[in-house]
Amino acid sequence: MGFIKGFLKFLPVFVLAGLMISGQDAMIAAPLAFVCAVVVAMV
């Protein structure tokens, strides 16, 4: 359980990195990563 919880905390970073690597603009990728971070923080 500890590994999954630790992995979830890094999920917004992976989302942001993945979107930036795939070619999305930072103005689109950053808010999506922020929403992901909010959802992870609520869990």
PDB file of N, CA and C in Angstrom:
ATOM      1  N   MET A   1       0.827  -1.204   0.000  1.00  0.00           N
ATOM      2  CA  MET A   1       0.000   0.000   0.000  1.00  0.00           C
ATOM      3  C   MET A   1       0.863   1.257   0.000  1.00  0.00           C
ATOM      4  N   GLY A   2       1.997   1.215   0.683  1.00  0.00           N
ATOM      5  CA  GLY A   2       2.857   2.386   0.755  1.00  0.00           C
ATOM      6  C   GLY A   2       3.449   2.753  -0.597  1.00  0.00           C
ATOM      7  N   PHE A   3       3.771   1.723  -1.403  1.00  0.00           N
ATOM      8  CA  PHE A   3       4.333   1.988  -2.721  1.00  0.00           C
ATOM      9  C   PHE A   3       3.308   2.649  -3.632  1.00  0.00           C
ATOM     10  N   ILE A   4       2.073   2.192  -3.568  1.00  0.00           N
ATOM     11  CA  ILE A   4       1.021   2.759  -4.421  1.00  0.00           C
ATOM     12  C   ILE A   4       0.751   4.206  -4.029  1.00  0.00           C
ATOM     13  N   LYS A   5       0.716   4.477  -2.732  1.00  0.00           N
ATOM     14  CA  LYS A   5       0.479   5.844  -2.269  1.00  0.00           C
ATOM     15  C   LYS A   5       1.625   6.761  -2.682  1.00  0.00           C
ATOM     16  N   GLY A   6       2.855   6.267  -2.591  1.00  0.00           N
ATOM     17  CA  GLY A   6       4.010   7.050  -3.023  1.00  0.00           C
ATOM     18  C   GLY A   6       4.003   7.290  -4.520  1.00  0.00           C
ATOM     19  N   PHE A   7       3.598   6.285  -5.281  1.00  0.00           N
ATOM     20  CA  PHE A   7       3.520   6.435  -6.738  1.00  0.00           C
ATOM     21  C   PHE A   7       2.453   7.444  -7.126  1.00  0.00           C
ATOM     22  N   LEU A   8       1.328   7.439  -6.422  1.00  0.00           N
ATOM     23  CA  LEU A   8       0.252   8.389  -6.731  1.00  0.00           C
ATOM     24  C   LEU A   8       0.688   9.826  -6.497  1.00  0.00           C
ATOM     25  N   LYS A   9       1.573  10.053  -5.543  1.00  0.00           N
ATOM     26  CA  LYS A   9       2.027  11.418  -5.275  1.00  0.00           C
ATOM     27  C   LYS A   9       2.867  11.970  -6.424  1.00  0.00           C
ATOM     28  N   PHE A  10       3.516  11.084  -7.186  1.00  0.00           N
ATOM     29  CA  PHE A  10       4.309  11.520  -8.329  1.00  0.00           C
ATOM     30  C   PHE A  10       3.517  11.523  -9.637  1.00  0.00           C
ATOM     31  N   LEU A  11       2.264  11.108  -9.602  1.00  0.00           N
ATOM     32  CA  LEU A  11       1.460  11.032 -10.820  1.00  0.00           C
ATOM     33  C   LEU A  11       1.333  12.381 -11.540  1.00  0.00           C
ATOM     34  N   PRO A  12       1.105  13.511 -10.858  1.00  0.00           N
ATOM     35  CA  PRO A  12       1.027  14.788 -11.582  1.00  0.00           C
ATOM     36  C   PRO A  12       2.320  15.141 -12.326  1.00  0.00           C
ATOM     37  N   VAL A  13       3.457  14.771 -11.764  1.00  0.00           N
ATOM     38  CA  VAL A  13       4.738  15.029 -12.429  1.00  0.00           C
ATOM     39  C   VAL A  13       4.833  14.208 -13.709  1.00  0.00           C
ATOM     40  N   PHE A  14       4.412  12.945 -13.625  1.00  0.00           N
ATOM     41  CA  PHE A  14       4.436  12.081 -14.803  1.00  0.00           C
ATOM     42  C   PHE A  14       3.454  12.572 -15.862  1.00  0.00           C
ATOM     43  N   VAL A  15       2.298  13.068 -15.430  1.00  0.00           N
ATOM     44  CA  VAL A  15       1.314  13.604 -16.384  1.00  0.00           C
ATOM     45  C   VAL A  15       1.886  14.817 -17.099  1.00  0.00           C
ATOM     46  N   LEU A  16       2.487  15.725 -16.352  1.00  0.00           N
ATOM     47  CA  LEU A  16       3.071  16.925 -16.952  1.00  0.00           C
ATOM     48  C   LEU A  16       4.203  16.559 -17.905  1.00  0.00           C
ATOM     49  N   ALA A  17       5.077  15.660 -17.482  1.00  0.00           N
ATOM     50  CA  ALA A  17       6.193  15.256 -18.337  1.00  0.00           C
ATOM     51  C   ALA A  17       5.695  14.555 -19.590  1.00  0.00           C
ATOM     52  N   GLY A  18       4.719  13.697 -19.444  1.00  0.00           N
ATOM     53  CA  GLY A  18       4.186  12.982 -20.600  1.00  0.00           C
ATOM     54  C   GLY A  18       3.531  13.912 -21.605  1.00  0.00           C
ATOM     55  N   LEU A  19       2.791  14.877 -21.115  1.00  0.00           N
ATOM     56  CA  LEU A  19       2.140  15.829 -22.027  1.00  0.00           C
ATOM     57  C   LEU A  19       3.161  16.710 -22.729  1.00  0.00           C
ATOM     58  N   MET A  20       4.199  17.118 -22.000  1.00  0.00           N
ATOM     59  CA  MET A  20       5.222  17.951 -22.620  1.00  0.00           C
ATOM     60  C   MET A  20       6.012  17.166 -23.664  1.00  0.00           C
ATOM     61  N   ILE A  21       6.315  15.905 -23.372  1.00  0.00           N
ATOM     62  CA  ILE A  21       7.042  15.072 -24.334  1.00  0.00           C
ATOM     63  C   ILE A  21       6.200  14.807 -25.570  1.00  0.00           C
ATOM     64  N   SER A  22       4.891  14.651 -25.392  1.00  0.00           N
ATOM     65  CA  SER A  22       4.027  14.353 -26.536  1.00  0.00           C
ATOM     66  C   SER A  22       3.775  15.576 -27.411  1.00  0.00           C
ATOM     67  N   GLY A  23       4.227  16.744 -26.972  1.00  0.00           N
ATOM     68  CA  GLY A  23       4.132  17.925 -27.813  1.00  0.00           C
ATOM     69  C   GLY A  23       3.044  18.913 -27.436  1.00  0.00           C
ATOM     70  N   GLN A  24       2.391  18.704 -26.307  1.00  0.00           N
ATOM     71  CA  GLN A  24       1.359  19.642 -25.873  1.00  0.00           C
ATOM     72  C   GLN A  24       2.014  20.946 -25.406  1.00  0.00           C
ATOM     73  N   ASP A  25       1.282  22.015 -25.549  1.00  0.00           N
ATOM     74  CA  ASP A  25       1.757  23.319 -25.076  1.00  0.00           C
ATOM     75  C   ASP A  25       1.732  23.349 -23.546  1.00  0.00           C
ATOM     76  N   ALA A  26       2.637  24.099 -22.955  1.00  0.00           N
ATOM     77  CA  ALA A  26       2.718  24.187 -21.496  1.00  0.00           C
ATOM     78  C   ALA A  26       1.465  24.817 -20.903  1.00  0.00           C
ATOM     79  N   MET A  27       0.815  25.700 -21.652  1.00  0.00           N
ATOM     80  CA  MET A  27      -0.400  26.342 -21.145  1.00  0.00           C
ATOM     81  C   MET A  27      -1.573  25.367 -21.074  1.00  0.00           C
ATOM     82  N   ILE A  28      -1.484  24.251 -21.765  1.00  0.00           N
ATOM     83  CA  ILE A  28      -2.511  23.204 -21.680  1.00  0.00           C
ATOM     84  C   ILE A  28      -2.077  22.129 -20.684  1.00  0.00           C
ATOM     85  N   ALA A  29      -0.792  21.780 -20.696  1.00  0.00           N
ATOM     86  CA  ALA A  29      -0.304  20.683 -19.864  1.00  0.00           C
ATOM     87  C   ALA A  29      -0.306  21.042 -18.378  1.00  0.00           C
ATOM     88  N   ALA A  30       0.050  22.262 -18.030  1.00  0.00           N
ATOM     89  CA  ALA A  30       0.152  22.640 -16.620  1.00  0.00           C
ATOM     90  C   ALA A  30      -1.201  22.593 -15.895  1.00  0.00           C
ATOM     91  N   PRO A  31      -2.274  23.148 -16.464  1.00  0.00           N
ATOM     92  CA  PRO A  31      -3.558  23.027 -15.750  1.00  0.00           C
ATOM     93  C   PRO A  31      -4.047  21.588 -15.619  1.00  0.00           C
ATOM     94  N   LEU A  32      -3.776  20.758 -16.624  1.00  0.00           N
ATOM     95  CA  LEU A  32      -4.181  19.354 -16.524  1.00  0.00           C
ATOM     96  C   LEU A  32      -3.410  18.643 -15.417  1.00  0.00           C
ATOM     97  N   ALA A  33      -2.125  18.941 -15.299  1.00  0.00           N
ATOM     98  CA  ALA A  33      -1.334  18.357 -14.215  1.00  0.00           C
ATOM     99  C   ALA A  33      -1.805  18.888 -12.863  1.00  0.00           C
ATOM    100  N   PHE A  34      -2.226  20.148 -12.816  1.00  0.00           N
ATOM    101  CA  PHE A  34      -2.739  20.716 -11.574  1.00  0.00           C
ATOM    102  C   PHE A  34      -4.027  20.025 -11.146  1.00  0.00           C
ATOM    103  N   VAL A  35      -4.921  19.778 -12.087  1.00  0.00           N
ATOM    104  CA  VAL A  35      -6.172  19.081 -11.766  1.00  0.00           C
ATOM    105  C   VAL A  35      -5.865  17.672 -11.276  1.00  0.00           C
ATOM    106  N   CYS A  36      -4.904  17.019 -11.899  1.00  0.00           N
ATOM    107  CA  CYS A  36      -4.478  15.693 -11.458  1.00  0.00           C
ATOM    108  C   CYS A  36      -3.934  15.755 -10.033  1.00  0.00           C
ATOM    109  N   ALA A  37      -3.163  16.790  -9.717  1.00  0.00           N
ATOM    110  CA  ALA A  37      -2.614  16.955  -8.372  1.00  0.00           C
ATOM    111  C   ALA A  37      -3.717  17.187  -7.347  1.00  0.00           C
ATOM    112  N   VAL A  38      -4.739  17.931  -7.727  1.00  0.00           N
ATOM    113  CA  VAL A  38      -5.862  18.166  -6.807  1.00  0.00           C
ATOM    114  C   VAL A  38      -6.589  16.867  -6.525  1.00  0.00           C
ATOM    115  N   VAL A  39      -6.808  16.071  -7.565  1.00  0.00           N
ATOM    116  CA  VAL A  39      -7.502  14.786  -7.364  1.00  0.00           C
ATOM    117  C   VAL A  39      -6.664  13.862  -6.478  1.00  0.00           C
ATOM    118  N   VAL A  40      -5.354  13.844  -6.699  1.00  0.00           N
ATOM    119  CA  VAL A  40      -4.494  12.992  -5.867  1.00  0.00           C
ATOM    120  C   VAL A  40      -4.499  13.491  -4.424  1.00  0.00           C
ATOM    121  N   ALA A  41      -4.519  14.799  -4.227  1.00  0.00           N
ATOM    122  CA  ALA A  41      -4.507  15.342  -2.875  1.00  0.00           C
ATOM    123  C   ALA A  41      -5.801  15.030  -2.129  1.00  0.00           C
ATOM    124  N   MET A  42      -6.892  14.887  -2.858  1.00  0.00           N
ATOM    125  CA  MET A  42      -8.177  14.585  -2.222  1.00  0.00           C
ATOM    126  C   MET A  42      -8.306  13.118  -1.839  1.00  0.00           C
ATOM    127  N   VAL A  43      -7.451  12.275  -2.395  1.00  0.00           N
ATOM    128  CA  VAL A  43      -7.553  10.825  -2.117  1.00  0.00           C
ATOM    129  C   VAL A  43      -6.948  10.474  -0.801  1.00  0.00           C
TER     130      VAL A  43
END
